[in-house]
Amino acid sequence: MKIVRDWLVTLIALVGLLLGILLLLSPIPVGLVVITASLAALLCVNHRSRHLLQMARSRWHKINRTVHKVEKILERRFRKLWTVISSTRPQNDDHSG
């Protein structure tokens, strides 16, 4: 049952990403909110997306610094999402970029 739920959340998140890209063309920045929520859902249920984020964080220090700032904000408010994002820290993470 968990596998079906994860696949369903992944499918909905991918559709949300496409919808968010289309909504970027609107005068109201709703697309950014939809894209952010979709990426958060993908990170929570999809191992491959966590791996891709970890690789991006280890390769590009600016992305790592930005995600680290987001981690600080999420730590108090969204514990599950913070746990998932903090698990993508690169091995040699020093936060100084």
Protein backbone atom coordinates (compact mmCIF):
# COMPACT_ATOMS: atom_id res chain seq x y z
CA MET A 1 0.00 0.00 0.00
CA LYS A 2 2.89 2.38 0.76
CA ILE A 3 4.34 1.79 -2.71
CA VAL A 4 1.05 2.73 -4.34
CA ARG A 5 0.81 5.86 -2.19
CA ASP A 6 4.38 6.87 -3.07
CA TRP A 7 3.76 6.38 -6.79
CA LEU A 8 0.55 8.38 -6.56
CA VAL A 9 2.28 11.24 -4.72
CA THR A 10 5.12 11.17 -7.27
CA LEU A 11 2.65 11.33 -10.16
CA ILE A 12 0.73 14.21 -8.57
CA ALA A 13 3.99 16.05 -7.83
CA LEU A 14 5.16 15.69 -11.43
CA VAL A 15 1.84 17.00 -12.70
CA GLY A 16 2.17 19.84 -10.18
CA LEU A 17 5.61 20.68 -11.56
CA LEU A 18 4.24 20.90 -15.09
CA LEU A 19 1.31 22.98 -13.89
CA GLY A 20 3.66 25.25 -11.95
CA ILE A 21 5.77 25.85 -15.04
CA LEU A 22 2.64 26.83 -16.95
CA LEU A 23 1.51 29.08 -14.09
CA LEU A 24 4.82 30.96 -14.22
CA LEU A 25 3.38 32.75 -17.23
CA SER A 26 0.54 34.22 -15.16
CA PRO A 27 0.91 37.72 -13.70
CA ILE A 28 0.49 36.35 -10.16
CA PRO A 29 3.48 34.23 -9.00
CA VAL A 30 1.35 31.19 -8.12
CA GLY A 31 3.64 28.99 -10.19
CA LEU A 32 6.49 29.37 -7.70
CA VAL A 33 4.30 28.14 -4.86
CA VAL A 34 3.08 25.15 -6.89
CA ILE A 35 6.61 24.25 -7.98
CA THR A 36 7.92 24.51 -4.40
CA ALA A 37 5.15 22.31 -3.03
CA SER A 38 5.65 19.76 -5.80
CA LEU A 39 9.40 19.57 -5.21
CA ALA A 40 8.84 19.16 -1.47
CA ALA A 41 6.43 16.27 -2.13
CA LEU A 42 8.93 14.64 -4.49
CA LEU A 43 11.72 14.90 -1.94
CA CYS A 44 9.56 13.27 0.72
CA VAL A 45 8.60 10.16 -1.28
CA ASN A 46 11.14 9.72 -4.06
CA HIS A 47 14.64 8.40 -3.30
CA ARG A 48 15.94 9.37 -6.74
CA SER A 49 15.05 13.04 -6.25
CA ARG A 50 16.87 13.07 -2.90
CA HIS A 51 19.93 11.56 -4.58
CA LEU A 52 19.84 14.20 -7.35
CA LEU A 53 19.60 16.98 -4.77
CA GLN A 54 22.53 15.52 -2.86
CA MET A 55 24.63 15.40 -6.02
CA ALA A 56 23.70 18.99 -6.90
CA ARG A 57 24.57 20.15 -3.38
CA SER A 58 27.98 18.51 -3.50
CA ARG A 59 28.74 19.86 -6.96
CA TRP A 60 27.49 23.46 -6.67
CA HIS A 61 28.33 25.27 -3.45
CA LYS A 62 25.83 28.08 -4.07
CA ILE A 63 22.97 25.57 -4.19
CA ASN A 64 24.30 23.97 -1.02
CA ARG A 65 24.37 27.33 0.80
CA THR A 66 20.83 28.16 -0.35
CA VAL A 67 19.45 24.77 0.68
CA HIS A 68 21.24 25.09 4.02
CA LYS A 69 19.44 28.41 4.64
CA VAL A 70 16.14 26.71 3.79
CA GLU A 71 17.02 23.90 6.23
CA LYS A 72 17.34 26.42 9.05
CA ILE A 73 13.87 27.78 8.31
CA LEU A 74 12.27 24.34 7.96
CA GLU A 75 13.81 22.90 11.12
CA ARG A 76 11.26 24.57 13.37
CA ARG A 77 8.19 24.45 11.14
CA PHE A 78 8.20 21.37 8.92
CA ARG A 79 10.11 18.64 10.73
CA LYS A 80 9.59 15.84 8.14
CA LEU A 81 10.63 17.98 5.20
CA TRP A 82 13.64 19.26 7.18
CA THR A 83 14.68 15.66 7.91
CA VAL A 84 14.47 14.74 4.22
CA ILE A 85 16.37 17.80 3.02
CA SER A 86 19.05 17.55 5.68
CA SER A 87 19.66 13.94 4.64
CA THR A 88 20.83 15.26 1.26
CA ARG A 89 23.83 17.09 2.73
CA PRO A 90 27.06 16.30 0.91
CA GLN A 91 29.71 14.32 2.77
CA ASN A 92 32.18 17.22 2.86
CA ASP A 93 29.62 19.87 3.86
CA ASP A 94 31.17 22.78 5.74
CA HIS A 95 28.36 25.33 5.11
CA SER A 96 30.90 27.96 4.10
CA GLY A 97 30.57 27.25 0.39
